[in-house]
Protein backbone atom coordinates (compact mmCIF):
# COMPACT_ATOMS: atom_id res chain seq x y z
CA ALA A 1 0.00 0.00 0.00
CA ARG A 2 1.00 3.62 -0.34
CA TRP A 3 -0.29 7.01 0.68
CA ASP A 4 -1.59 9.01 -2.27
CA ARG A 5 -0.91 12.69 -1.60
CA GLY A 6 -3.36 13.77 -4.32
CA THR A 7 -6.41 11.90 -3.03
CA GLN A 8 -5.23 11.95 0.62
CA GLN A 9 -5.96 8.26 1.11
CA LEU A 10 -4.47 4.78 1.15
CA GLU A 11 -4.00 3.30 -2.33
CA GLU A 12 -2.47 0.27 -4.04
CA SER A 13 1.33 0.21 -4.27
CA LYS A 14 2.99 0.96 -7.56
CA PRO A 15 4.71 -2.02 -9.25
CA LYS A 16 7.95 -3.14 -7.50
CA GLU A 17 7.46 -0.59 -4.70
CA LEU A 18 7.77 -2.30 -1.30
CA PHE A 19 8.05 0.74 0.99
CA THR A 20 6.79 4.30 0.68
CA GLU A 21 6.99 7.31 2.98
CA LEU A 22 4.00 8.68 4.83
CA PRO A 23 3.48 12.41 5.27
CA THR A 24 3.98 14.00 8.67
CA PHE A 25 0.93 13.48 10.91
CA LEU A 26 -0.43 16.17 13.20
CA PHE A 27 -2.27 14.70 16.18
CA MET A 28 -4.98 16.89 17.62
CA PRO A 29 -7.04 15.71 20.59
CA VAL A 30 -10.81 15.89 20.11
CA ARG A 31 -13.19 15.31 22.98
CA ASN A 32 -15.76 12.50 22.44
CA ARG A 33 -14.50 11.85 18.91
CA VAL A 34 -16.10 8.93 17.04
CA PRO A 35 -13.73 7.17 14.57
CA THR A 36 -14.86 6.77 10.96
CA PRO A 37 -15.62 3.04 10.42
CA SER A 38 -14.47 3.18 6.78
CA ASP A 39 -10.93 4.28 7.77
CA TYR A 40 -8.19 1.65 7.99
CA ARG A 41 -6.63 1.50 11.46
CA CYS A 42 -3.01 1.07 10.35
CA PRO A 43 -0.74 -0.27 13.11
CA CYS A 44 2.49 1.67 13.63
CA TYR A 45 5.55 -0.20 14.94
CA LYS A 46 8.97 0.92 16.27
CA VAL A 47 10.96 -1.51 14.12
CA LEU A 48 10.37 -3.31 10.83
CA SER A 49 10.38 -6.84 12.32
CA ARG A 50 7.06 -6.18 14.17
CA LYS A 51 8.40 -8.44 16.96
CA GLY A 52 8.14 -7.56 20.62
CA THR A 53 7.10 -8.88 24.00
CA LEU A 54 3.36 -9.25 24.44
CA LEU A 55 2.01 -6.99 27.18
CA THR A 56 -1.02 -7.62 29.39
CA THR A 57 -2.93 -5.14 27.18
CA GLY A 58 -2.58 -7.58 24.27
CA HIS A 59 -0.22 -5.30 22.35
CA SER A 60 3.44 -5.84 21.56
CA THR A 61 6.18 -3.66 23.12
CA ASN A 62 7.05 -2.83 19.51
CA PHE A 63 3.53 -1.47 18.80
CA VAL A 64 3.14 2.33 19.05
CA LEU A 65 -0.38 3.30 17.93
CA TYR A 66 -2.99 3.01 15.20
CA LEU A 67 -3.09 5.58 12.41
CA GLU A 68 -6.59 6.07 11.02
CA MET A 69 -6.12 6.26 7.26
CA PRO A 70 -8.93 7.05 4.82
CA THR A 71 -9.44 4.58 1.97
CA ASP A 72 -12.03 4.03 -0.74
CA GLN A 73 -11.55 0.26 -0.58
CA GLU A 74 -12.68 -2.36 1.92
CA VAL A 75 -10.74 -2.21 5.20
CA SER A 76 -10.44 -6.02 5.11
CA LYS A 77 -8.23 -5.71 2.00
CA TRP A 78 -5.54 -3.83 3.96
CA ILE A 79 -5.86 -6.15 6.96
CA LYS A 80 -5.35 -9.24 4.79
CA ALA A 81 -2.38 -7.57 3.07
CA GLY A 82 -0.77 -6.88 6.47
CA VAL A 83 -0.36 -3.16 5.79
CA ALA A 84 1.55 -1.42 8.60
CA SER A 85 3.69 1.64 9.19
CA PHE A 86 7.06 1.93 10.92
CA LEU A 87 8.90 4.73 12.70
């Protein structure tokens, strides 16, 4: 997958393109915010291997947060493809 700067959403990768850069994200807290169900919750990890010790919360020590990324395709497509971001 890749981030399309023109459409501002998650798109298919270009041929032979394994990694792409994401734009800088600005996080702004919003009280009582309801996430958009059609957005892909992209996991963000510290390192590429995605390995880490499992915590009692069910997350890995390598896991940082979910990035909510707009897409015009089914969210299940990105889940099955294992799309993730890395710091």
